[in-house]
């Protein structure tokens, strides 16, 4: 079997490496030539536990190669980004481009799978695109949708162990996709149709977004009421049927911060709670900016000088290097733009396409105002002098001297 993965990012590369580790020949395709070169050296361009060894092994055994061009294959798997546009409308241009790159190489008996998070009906839309350009393939290939549901930091494990929802445009397509995933997934494979599978992915992340919005709204209420929100949540969760999440500076990542808008864009009248949750979580980031600005003004008035502000964490969640849709990064850039003396430490990132972080924890600790945005494990052992002003927006496990 020959498998082609379109897109070698946070999902595409781990998926390609995992499939290749099972002895299946995999070609990864990406438009970024630097990514292609890095992978062909047996190295990786993202931070993910266990991925470097898996890629090195697969490349060394000639089971995994990367390229900027597509070759004939048995299975084509689309794992490219699906962002939204400025008006929160889904942008399917990457999925369409990847599909068009694949179309000339499709042949009878091929399996075409979309894993990219997509609005309902996307798989059927791509099927129409394929059959419009290649009508002779009608009823000759299988087309299905299977969303990933992994947690950054444990992607390799979860790609194998988590249950998968698989929906084809018809029953034979579903069966073909289930047989394929059965080669490397140990979790249960749940059969459905493509539309239900697409909505399932969106609903999973919208549900999480709503739960986070409750915690974030609660944190703003508690701030006004003079209550420690983290202590409150710990106590409330002593109830056997209550499970409240921890608040943060907003919601980031390519899934939770994006996917709910796909539902809202298609069902604007019905998706009231889902839309409100998105607005609350976006507002929380603005609220955090305001709280930091207020602290800066207060310090300046009391000390006759502008403070140094130190930000702890820029990734969108703890213990990863992913900056996509990160509210912490947005806050950091806003402070820079406003001309404040700000520095940051991000232990998971040294160099990035648009960002270079050289500050250390020790250096940032010299700041007058310490802002904790992401609860990275590296921050847990920090002992903060009593003289420092601390703004903790993530429940950091720090201690006071």
Foldseek 3Di string as FASTA:
>chain_A
DEEEEEDCPPQRVLVQLLVLVLVAAYEYADQDVVQQVQLLVLAHDFDAPPSSVSSNVSNVVNRYHYDNADAAGQEYEYDDEWFADPVLEIDCPSVLVSLVRCLVRDDFNHAYEYQYQDFQPVQVVSVCVSCVVVVVCVVRYWTKYKYQDDDGRCNNVCLAEPEIEIATCDDVNRVVVVVVSVSRHPYHYHYDHRRVRSVVQLVVLLVVLLLQLVQLVQCVVCVVVVHDSVVVQVVVPVPVPDDHDHHAQAAFDSRNLRSLSSVCVVPVPPCPSSVVSNVSRVVSLVVVLVVVVVVQVVCCVVPVDGWEEEEEAQDQEEPGDHNGRRSSVVSQVVCVVVPHNYAYDHPHDADDPVDHHDDDPVRSLPTQEYEYRYQYPVQQDAEHEPRHHYHYRGPHNYHYD
